[in-house]
Amino acid sequence: VNVVAIAKQDMPAGYVIELAIGGWDLRGEVATITEFPDAPPIGLLTGARLRNSVVQGQILKLSDVDIPDSIAKYAWESMQSHAIAEA
C-alpha cells in the first residue's frame, strides 16, 4: 500500500514542495504500489523539486520530482522493487 500525492493546484517545473503532508500543494490518496508503481509516497516529497509542470488533480510520478536523499527514500526504493518483483 502507498499514499500517492495528488496536486491540489497547478505547479510549474522547478517548484519546490515546502510541505508535502498538511501543505497547500498536495493531498494524499491510498493506492497499491502495483497500481501506481511510479508514484512516490507523499511523505517523501517535502523539499522535492518538480522536474515537470503538474496540473491540479494529477498524481505525481517519480519522473516528475527530484526527491531529496534520505533513509526513508532508500527504504521506499527497496520496498518498491520487491513489491513489483512479487506482482
PDB file of N, CA and C in Angstrom:
ATOM      1  N   VAL A   1       0.850  -1.181   0.000  1.00  0.00           N
ATOM      2  CA  VAL A   1       0.000   0.000   0.000  1.00  0.00           C
ATOM      3  C   VAL A   1       0.892   1.240   0.000  1.00  0.00           C
ATOM      4  N   ASN A   2       0.423   2.269  -0.684  1.00  0.00           N
ATOM      5  CA  ASN A   2       1.144   3.529  -0.808  1.00  0.00           C
ATOM      6  C   ASN A   2       0.140   4.670  -0.682  1.00  0.00           C
ATOM      7  N   VAL A   3       0.587   5.808  -0.198  1.00  0.00           N
ATOM      8  CA  VAL A   3      -0.235   7.019  -0.216  1.00  0.00           C
ATOM      9  C   VAL A   3       0.384   7.929  -1.271  1.00  0.00           C
ATOM     10  N   VAL A   4      -0.261   7.961  -2.448  1.00  0.00           N
ATOM     11  CA  VAL A   4       0.257   8.748  -3.559  1.00  0.00           C
ATOM     12  C   VAL A   4      -0.075  10.224  -3.364  1.00  0.00           C
ATOM     13  N   ALA A   5       0.686  11.077  -4.038  1.00  0.00           N
ATOM     14  CA  ALA A   5       0.492  12.527  -3.948  1.00  0.00           C
ATOM     15  C   ALA A   5      -0.286  13.021  -5.157  1.00  0.00           C
ATOM     16  N   ILE A   6      -1.330  13.795  -4.881  1.00  0.00           N
ATOM     17  CA  ILE A   6      -2.151  14.378  -5.935  1.00  0.00           C
ATOM     18  C   ILE A   6      -2.064  15.896  -5.802  1.00  0.00           C
ATOM     19  N   ALA A   7      -1.792  16.561  -6.923  1.00  0.00           N
ATOM     20  CA  ALA A   7      -1.645  18.017  -6.920  1.00  0.00           C
ATOM     21  C   ALA A   7      -2.969  18.697  -6.588  1.00  0.00           C
ATOM     22  N   LYS A   8      -2.940  19.612  -5.613  1.00  0.00           N
ATOM     23  CA  LYS A   8      -4.115  20.416  -5.269  1.00  0.00           C
ATOM     24  C   LYS A   8      -4.231  21.628  -6.190  1.00  0.00           C
ATOM     25  N   GLN A   9      -3.142  21.960  -6.872  1.00  0.00           N
ATOM     26  CA  GLN A   9      -3.114  23.144  -7.727  1.00  0.00           C
ATOM     27  C   GLN A   9      -2.093  22.915  -8.832  1.00  0.00           C
ATOM     28  N   ASP A  10      -2.154  23.711  -9.875  1.00  0.00           N
ATOM     29  CA  ASP A  10      -1.136  23.677 -10.921  1.00  0.00           C
ATOM     30  C   ASP A  10       0.175  24.166 -10.320  1.00  0.00           C
ATOM     31  N   MET A  11       1.279  23.498 -10.688  1.00  0.00           N
ATOM     32  CA  MET A  11       2.603  23.903 -10.202  1.00  0.00           C
ATOM     33  C   MET A  11       3.594  23.801 -11.354  1.00  0.00           C
ATOM     34  N   PRO A  12       4.454  24.803 -11.522  1.00  0.00           N
ATOM     35  CA  PRO A  12       5.401  24.801 -12.637  1.00  0.00           C
ATOM     36  C   PRO A  12       6.635  23.945 -12.354  1.00  0.00           C
ATOM     37  N   ALA A  13       7.313  23.553 -13.403  1.00  0.00           N
ATOM     38  CA  ALA A  13       8.605  22.884 -13.255  1.00  0.00           C
ATOM     39  C   ALA A  13       9.535  23.795 -12.460  1.00  0.00           C
ATOM     40  N   GLY A  14      10.336  23.201 -11.586  1.00  0.00           N
ATOM     41  CA  GLY A  14      11.249  23.965 -10.740  1.00  0.00           C
ATOM     42  C   GLY A  14      10.673  24.325  -9.386  1.00  0.00           C
ATOM     43  N   TYR A  15       9.363  24.156  -9.225  1.00  0.00           N
ATOM     44  CA  TYR A  15       8.688  24.473  -7.960  1.00  0.00           C
ATOM     45  C   TYR A  15       9.184  23.525  -6.874  1.00  0.00           C
ATOM     46  N   VAL A  16       9.430  24.042  -5.677  1.00  0.00           N
ATOM     47  CA  VAL A  16       9.853  23.228  -4.537  1.00  0.00           C
ATOM     48  C   VAL A  16       8.663  23.033  -3.610  1.00  0.00           C
ATOM     49  N   ILE A  17       8.380  21.782  -3.291  1.00  0.00           N
ATOM     50  CA  ILE A  17       7.280  21.439  -2.376  1.00  0.00           C
ATOM     51  C   ILE A  17       7.794  21.630  -0.958  1.00  0.00           C
ATOM     52  N   GLU A  18       7.348  22.687  -0.309  1.00  0.00           N
ATOM     53  CA  GLU A  18       7.840  23.025   1.030  1.00  0.00           C
ATOM     54  C   GLU A  18       7.341  22.044   2.089  1.00  0.00           C
ATOM     55  N   LEU A  19       6.069  21.672   2.001  1.00  0.00           N
ATOM     56  CA  LEU A  19       5.460  20.792   2.995  1.00  0.00           C
ATOM     57  C   LEU A  19       4.505  19.838   2.269  1.00  0.00           C
ATOM     58  N   ALA A  20       4.882  18.578   2.179  1.00  0.00           N
ATOM     59  CA  ALA A  20       4.086  17.617   1.404  1.00  0.00           C
ATOM     60  C   ALA A  20       2.800  17.218   2.129  1.00  0.00           C
ATOM     61  N   ILE A  21       2.904  16.893   3.408  1.00  0.00           N
ATOM     62  CA  ILE A  21       1.728  16.476   4.183  1.00  0.00           C
ATOM     63  C   ILE A  21       1.251  17.680   4.989  1.00  0.00           C
ATOM     64  N   GLY A  22       0.001  18.064   4.778  1.00  0.00           N
ATOM     65  CA  GLY A  22      -0.561  19.194   5.505  1.00  0.00           C
ATOM     66  C   GLY A  22      -0.303  20.535   4.858  1.00  0.00           C
ATOM     67  N   GLY A  23       0.280  20.528   3.668  1.00  0.00           N
ATOM     68  CA  GLY A  23       0.554  21.777   2.972  1.00  0.00           C
ATOM     69  C   GLY A  23      -0.540  22.119   1.971  1.00  0.00           C
ATOM     70  N   TRP A  24      -0.284  23.172   1.198  1.00  0.00           N
ATOM     71  CA  TRP A  24      -1.253  23.666   0.226  1.00  0.00           C
ATOM     72  C   TRP A  24      -1.116  23.010  -1.142  1.00  0.00           C
ATOM     73  N   ASP A  25      -0.057  22.258  -1.356  1.00  0.00           N
ATOM     74  CA  ASP A  25       0.261  21.775  -2.694  1.00  0.00           C
ATOM     75  C   ASP A  25      -0.292  20.391  -3.031  1.00  0.00           C
ATOM     76  N   LEU A  26      -0.315  19.494  -2.056  1.00  0.00           N
ATOM     77  CA  LEU A  26      -0.629  18.093  -2.327  1.00  0.00           C
ATOM     78  C   LEU A  26      -1.666  17.547  -1.357  1.00  0.00           C
ATOM     79  N   ARG A  27      -2.368  16.520  -1.812  1.00  0.00           N
ATOM     80  CA  ARG A  27      -3.206  15.717  -0.924  1.00  0.00           C
ATOM     81  C   ARG A  27      -2.841  14.268  -1.182  1.00  0.00           C
ATOM     82  N   GLY A  28      -3.101  13.407  -0.221  1.00  0.00           N
ATOM     83  CA  GLY A  28      -2.759  12.002  -0.363  1.00  0.00           C
ATOM     84  C   GLY A  28      -3.978  11.147  -0.625  1.00  0.00           C
ATOM     85  N   GLU A  29      -3.742  10.034  -1.319  1.00  0.00           N
ATOM     86  CA  GLU A  29      -4.792   9.057  -1.571  1.00  0.00           C
ATOM     87  C   GLU A  29      -4.161   7.674  -1.556  1.00  0.00           C
ATOM     88  N   VAL A  30      -4.822   6.727  -0.902  1.00  0.00           N
ATOM     89  CA  VAL A  30      -4.298   5.372  -0.786  1.00  0.00           C
ATOM     90  C   VAL A  30      -4.402   4.648  -2.122  1.00  0.00           C
ATOM     91  N   ALA A  31      -3.326   3.960  -2.489  1.00  0.00           N
ATOM     92  CA  ALA A  31      -3.283   3.148  -3.703  1.00  0.00           C
ATOM     93  C   ALA A  31      -2.295   2.018  -3.463  1.00  0.00           C
ATOM     94  N   THR A  32      -2.360   0.999  -4.281  1.00  0.00           N
ATOM     95  CA  THR A  32      -1.375  -0.081  -4.168  1.00  0.00           C
ATOM     96  C   THR A  32      -0.136   0.287  -4.978  1.00  0.00           C
ATOM     97  N   ILE A  33       0.995  -0.242  -4.565  1.00  0.00           N
ATOM     98  CA  ILE A  33       2.240   0.013  -5.288  1.00  0.00           C
ATOM     99  C   ILE A  33       2.147  -0.558  -6.698  1.00  0.00           C
ATOM    100  N   THR A  34       1.484  -1.696  -6.855  1.00  0.00           N
ATOM    101  CA  THR A  34       1.357  -2.280  -8.195  1.00  0.00           C
ATOM    102  C   THR A  34       0.423  -1.467  -9.086  1.00  0.00           C
ATOM    103  N   GLU A  35      -0.535  -0.757  -8.490  1.00  0.00           N
ATOM    104  CA  GLU A  35      -1.457   0.081  -9.262  1.00  0.00           C
ATOM    105  C   GLU A  35      -0.747   1.315  -9.817  1.00  0.00           C
ATOM    106  N   PHE A  36       0.108   1.923  -9.001  1.00  0.00           N
ATOM    107  CA  PHE A  36       0.867   3.118  -9.392  1.00  0.00           C
ATOM    108  C   PHE A  36       2.332   2.921  -8.994  1.00  0.00           C
ATOM    109  N   PRO A  37       3.065   2.055  -9.696  1.00  0.00           N
ATOM    110  CA  PRO A  37       4.438   1.730  -9.282  1.00  0.00           C
ATOM    111  C   PRO A  37       5.414   2.905  -9.388  1.00  0.00           C
ATOM    112  N   ASP A  38       5.072   3.898 -10.192  1.00  0.00           N
ATOM    113  CA  ASP A  38       5.975   5.037 -10.364  1.00  0.00           C
ATOM    114  C   ASP A  38       5.544   6.259  -9.561  1.00  0.00           C
ATOM    115  N   ALA A  39       4.648   6.073  -8.583  1.00  0.00           N
ATOM    116  CA  ALA A  39       4.182   7.189  -7.748  1.00  0.00           C
ATOM    117  C   ALA A  39       4.869   7.120  -6.382  1.00  0.00           C
ATOM    118  N   PRO A  40       5.716   8.111  -6.075  1.00  0.00           N
ATOM    119  CA  PRO A  40       6.369   8.095  -4.764  1.00  0.00           C
ATOM    120  C   PRO A  40       5.383   8.426  -3.646  1.00  0.00           C
ATOM    121  N   PRO A  41       5.613   7.938  -2.446  1.00  0.00           N
ATOM    122  CA  PRO A  41       4.745   8.276  -1.317  1.00  0.00           C
ATOM    123  C   PRO A  41       4.793   9.773  -1.018  1.00  0.00           C
ATOM    124  N   ILE A  42       3.662  10.316  -0.655  1.00  0.00           N
ATOM    125  CA  ILE A  42       3.572  11.744  -0.351  1.00  0.00           C
ATOM    126  C   ILE A  42       4.551  12.142   0.756  1.00  0.00           C
ATOM    127  N   GLY A  43       4.800  11.256   1.688  1.00  0.00           N
ATOM    128  CA  GLY A  43       5.684  11.570   2.813  1.00  0.00           C
ATOM    129  C   GLY A  43       7.131  11.828   2.424  1.00  0.00           C
ATOM    130  N   LEU A  44       7.538  11.431   1.218  1.00  0.00           N
ATOM    131  CA  LEU A  44       8.910  11.663   0.762  1.00  0.00           C
ATOM    132  C   LEU A  44       9.080  12.981   0.021  1.00  0.00           C
ATOM    133  N   LEU A  45       7.984  13.697  -0.205  1.00  0.00           N
ATOM    134  CA  LEU A  45       8.031  14.822  -1.132  1.00  0.00           C
ATOM    135  C   LEU A  45       8.289  16.190  -0.507  1.00  0.00           C
ATOM    136  N   THR A  46       8.415  16.285   0.802  1.00  0.00           N
ATOM    137  CA  THR A  46       8.793  17.566   1.396  1.00  0.00           C
ATOM    138  C   THR A  46      10.203  17.914   0.925  1.00  0.00           C
ATOM    139  N   GLY A  47      10.344  19.083   0.345  1.00  0.00           N
ATOM    140  CA  GLY A  47      11.641  19.520  -0.172  1.00  0.00           C
ATOM    141  C   GLY A  47      11.932  19.053  -1.587  1.00  0.00           C
ATOM    142  N   ALA A  48      11.019  18.296  -2.197  1.00  0.00           N
ATOM    143  CA  ALA A  48      11.231  17.830  -3.566  1.00  0.00           C
ATOM    144  C   ALA A  48      11.033  18.976  -4.556  1.00  0.00           C
ATOM    145  N   ARG A  49      11.799  18.929  -5.630  1.00  0.00           N
ATOM    146  CA  ARG A  49      11.692  19.931  -6.703  1.00  0.00           C
ATOM    147  C   ARG A  49      11.041  19.266  -7.909  1.00  0.00           C
ATOM    148  N   LEU A  50      10.068  19.961  -8.497  1.00  0.00           N
ATOM    149  CA  LEU A  50       9.378  19.417  -9.666  1.00  0.00           C
ATOM    150  C   LEU A  50      10.270  19.495 -10.903  1.00  0.00           C
ATOM    151  N   ARG A  51      10.411  18.385 -11.597  1.00  0.00           N
ATOM    152  CA  ARG A  51      11.120  18.351 -12.883  1.00  0.00           C
ATOM    153  C   ARG A  51      10.205  18.828 -14.009  1.00  0.00           C
ATOM    154  N   ASN A  52       8.923  18.521 -13.857  1.00  0.00           N
ATOM    155  CA  ASN A  52       7.917  18.836 -14.869  1.00  0.00           C
ATOM    156  C   ASN A  52       6.795  19.633 -14.224  1.00  0.00           C
ATOM    157  N   SER A  53       6.105  20.407 -15.026  1.00  0.00           N
ATOM    158  CA  SER A  53       4.895  21.066 -14.542  1.00  0.00           C
ATOM    159  C   SER A  53       3.839  20.011 -14.262  1.00  0.00           C
ATOM    160  N   VAL A  54       3.016  20.248 -13.248  1.00  0.00           N
ATOM    161  CA  VAL A  54       1.905  19.347 -12.946  1.00  0.00           C
ATOM    162  C   VAL A  54       0.621  20.165 -12.870  1.00  0.00           C
ATOM    163  N   VAL A  55      -0.484  19.502 -13.172  1.00  0.00           N
ATOM    164  CA  VAL A  55      -1.781  20.185 -13.143  1.00  0.00           C
ATOM    165  C   VAL A  55      -2.603  19.665 -11.975  1.00  0.00           C
ATOM    166  N   GLN A  56      -3.541  20.470 -11.539  1.00  0.00           N
ATOM    167  CA  GLN A  56      -4.412  20.097 -10.440  1.00  0.00           C
ATOM    168  C   GLN A  56      -5.063  18.747 -10.738  1.00  0.00           C
ATOM    169  N   GLY A  57      -5.035  17.850  -9.744  1.00  0.00           N
ATOM    170  CA  GLY A  57      -5.640  16.529  -9.883  1.00  0.00           C
ATOM    171  C   GLY A  57      -4.699  15.456 -10.400  1.00  0.00           C
ATOM    172  N   GLN A  58      -3.506  15.847 -10.829  1.00  0.00           N
ATOM    173  CA  GLN A  58      -2.533  14.889 -11.358  1.00  0.00           C
ATOM    174  C   GLN A  58      -1.840  14.138 -10.232  1.00  0.00           C
ATOM    175  N   ILE A  59      -1.695  12.819 -10.404  1.00  0.00           N
ATOM    176  CA  ILE A  59      -0.894  12.017  -9.480  1.00  0.00           C
ATOM    177  C   ILE A  59       0.570  12.207  -9.864  1.00  0.00           C
ATOM    178  N   LEU A  60       1.385  12.600  -8.895  1.00  0.00           N
ATOM    179  CA  LEU A  60       2.797  12.810  -9.178  1.00  0.00           C
ATOM    180  C   LEU A  60       3.498  11.479  -9.394  1.00  0.00           C
ATOM    181  N   LYS A  61       4.357  11.449 -10.395  1.00  0.00           N
ATOM    182  CA  LYS A  61       5.162  10.271 -10.699  1.00  0.00           C
ATOM    183  C   LYS A  61       6.610  10.561 -10.319  1.00  0.00           C
ATOM    184  N   LEU A  62       7.366   9.512 -10.142  1.00  0.00           N
ATOM    185  CA  LEU A  62       8.774   9.654  -9.797  1.00  0.00           C
ATOM    186  C   LEU A  62       9.503  10.509 -10.827  1.00  0.00           C
ATOM    187  N   SER A  63       9.120  10.397 -12.092  1.00  0.00           N
ATOM    188  CA  SER A  63       9.766  11.184 -13.149  1.00  0.00           C
ATOM    189  C   SER A  63       9.426  12.675 -13.055  1.00  0.00           C
ATOM    190  N   ASP A  64       8.426  13.038 -12.247  1.00  0.00           N
ATOM    191  CA  ASP A  64       8.027  14.439 -12.091  1.00  0.00           C
ATOM    192  C   ASP A  64       8.819  15.178 -11.026  1.00  0.00           C
ATOM    193  N   VAL A  65       9.527  14.458 -10.163  1.00  0.00           N
ATOM    194  CA  VAL A  65      10.139  15.101  -8.992  1.00  0.00           C
ATOM    195  C   VAL A  65      11.570  14.645  -8.750  1.00  0.00           C
ATOM    196  N   ASP A  66      12.347  15.527  -8.157  1.00  0.00           N
ATOM    197  CA  ASP A  66      13.656  15.181  -7.607  1.00  0.00           C
ATOM    198  C   ASP A  66      13.467  15.125  -6.100  1.00  0.00           C
ATOM    199  N   ILE A  67      13.544  13.931  -5.538  1.00  0.00           N
ATOM    200  CA  ILE A  67      13.308  13.714  -4.112  1.00  0.00           C
ATOM    201  C   ILE A  67      14.644  13.820  -3.367  1.00  0.00           C
ATOM    202  N   PRO A  68      14.684  14.602  -2.299  1.00  0.00           N
ATOM    203  CA  PRO A  68      15.918  14.688  -1.514  1.00  0.00           C
ATOM    204  C   PRO A  68      16.310  13.312  -0.966  1.00  0.00           C
ATOM    205  N   ASP A  69      17.598  13.061  -0.892  1.00  0.00           N
ATOM    206  CA  ASP A  69      18.090  11.800  -0.340  1.00  0.00           C
ATOM    207  C   ASP A  69      17.743  11.694   1.139  1.00  0.00           C
ATOM    208  N   SER A  70      17.352  10.487   1.546  1.00  0.00           N
ATOM    209  CA  SER A  70      17.066  10.210   2.953  1.00  0.00           C
ATOM    210  C   SER A  70      17.025   8.702   3.146  1.00  0.00           C
ATOM    211  N   ILE A  71      17.084   8.283   4.377  1.00  0.00           N
ATOM    212  CA  ILE A  71      16.946   6.854   4.689  1.00  0.00           C
ATOM    213  C   ILE A  71      15.564   6.370   4.263  1.00  0.00           C
ATOM    214  N   ALA A  72      14.548   7.198   4.460  1.00  0.00           N
ATOM    215  CA  ALA A  72      13.180   6.831   4.070  1.00  0.00           C
ATOM    216  C   ALA A  72      13.084   6.612   2.559  1.00  0.00           C
ATOM    217  N   LYS A  73      13.752   7.455   1.773  1.00  0.00           N
ATOM    218  CA  LYS A  73      13.737   7.297   0.318  1.00  0.00           C
ATOM    219  C   LYS A  73      14.358   5.958  -0.071  1.00  0.00           C
ATOM    220  N   TYR A  74      15.487   5.617   0.512  1.00  0.00           N
ATOM    221  CA  TYR A  74      16.154   4.359   0.176  1.00  0.00           C
ATOM    222  C   TYR A  74      15.320   3.157   0.610  1.00  0.00           C
ATOM    223  N   ALA A  75      14.660   3.249   1.757  1.00  0.00           N
ATOM    224  CA  ALA A  75      13.786   2.164   2.220  1.00  0.00           C
ATOM    225  C   ALA A  75      12.615   1.985   1.258  1.00  0.00           C
ATOM    226  N   TRP A  76      12.015   3.099   0.805  1.00  0.00           N
ATOM    227  CA  TRP A  76      10.900   3.015  -0.141  1.00  0.00           C
ATOM    228  C   TRP A  76      11.344   2.394  -1.458  1.00  0.00           C
ATOM    229  N   GLU A  77      12.505   2.800  -1.970  1.00  0.00           N
ATOM    230  CA  GLU A  77      13.006   2.239  -3.222  1.00  0.00           C
ATOM    231  C   GLU A  77      13.201   0.733  -3.107  1.00  0.00           C
ATOM    232  N   SER A  78      13.684   0.282  -1.970  1.00  0.00           N
ATOM    233  CA  SER A  78      13.878  -1.144  -1.742  1.00  0.00           C
ATOM    234  C   SER A  78      12.531  -1.880  -1.693  1.00  0.00           C
ATOM    235  N   MET A  79      11.586  -1.321  -0.945  1.00  0.00           N
ATOM    236  CA  MET A  79      10.250  -1.936  -0.843  1.00  0.00           C
ATOM    237  C   MET A  79       9.541  -1.945  -2.184  1.00  0.00           C
ATOM    238  N   GLN A  80       9.692  -0.877  -2.943  1.00  0.00           N
ATOM    239  CA  GLN A  80       9.048  -0.771  -4.248  1.00  0.00           C
ATOM    240  C   GLN A  80       9.562  -1.855  -5.197  1.00  0.00           C
ATOM    241  N   SER A  81      10.858  -2.045  -5.239  1.00  0.00           N
ATOM    242  CA  SER A  81      11.415  -3.043  -6.151  1.00  0.00           C
ATOM    243  C   SER A  81      10.981  -4.455  -5.765  1.00  0.00           C
ATOM    244  N   HIS A  82      10.859  -4.723  -4.463  1.00  0.00           N
ATOM    245  CA  HIS A  82      10.371  -6.030  -4.016  1.00  0.00           C
ATOM    246  C   HIS A  82       8.894  -6.223  -4.355  1.00  0.00           C
ATOM    247  N   ALA A  83       8.088  -5.204  -4.154  1.00  0.00           N
ATOM    248  CA  ALA A  83       6.649  -5.306  -4.433  1.00  0.00           C
ATOM    249  C   ALA A  83       6.382  -5.531  -5.915  1.00  0.00           C
ATOM    250  N   ILE A  84       7.135  -4.856  -6.767  1.00  0.00           N
ATOM    251  CA  ILE A  84       6.955  -5.012  -8.216  1.00  0.00           C
ATOM    252  C   ILE A  84       7.424  -6.396  -8.656  1.00  0.00           C
ATOM    253  N   ALA A  85       8.517  -6.882  -8.078  1.00  0.00           N
ATOM    254  CA  ALA A  85       9.039  -8.214  -8.440  1.00  0.00           C
ATOM    255  C   ALA A  85       8.070  -9.321  -8.044  1.00  0.00           C
ATOM    256  N   GLU A  86       7.333  -9.117  -6.948  1.00  0.00           N
ATOM    257  CA  GLU A  86       6.387 -10.133  -6.468  1.00  0.00           C
ATOM    258  C   GLU A  86       5.054 -10.079  -7.178  1.00  0.00           C
ATOM    259  N   ALA A  87       4.773  -8.986  -7.878  1.00  0.00           N
ATOM    260  CA  ALA A  87       3.457  -8.822  -8.540  1.00  0.00           C
ATOM    261  C   ALA A  87       3.328  -9.671  -9.785  1.00  0.00           C
TER     262      ALA A  87
END
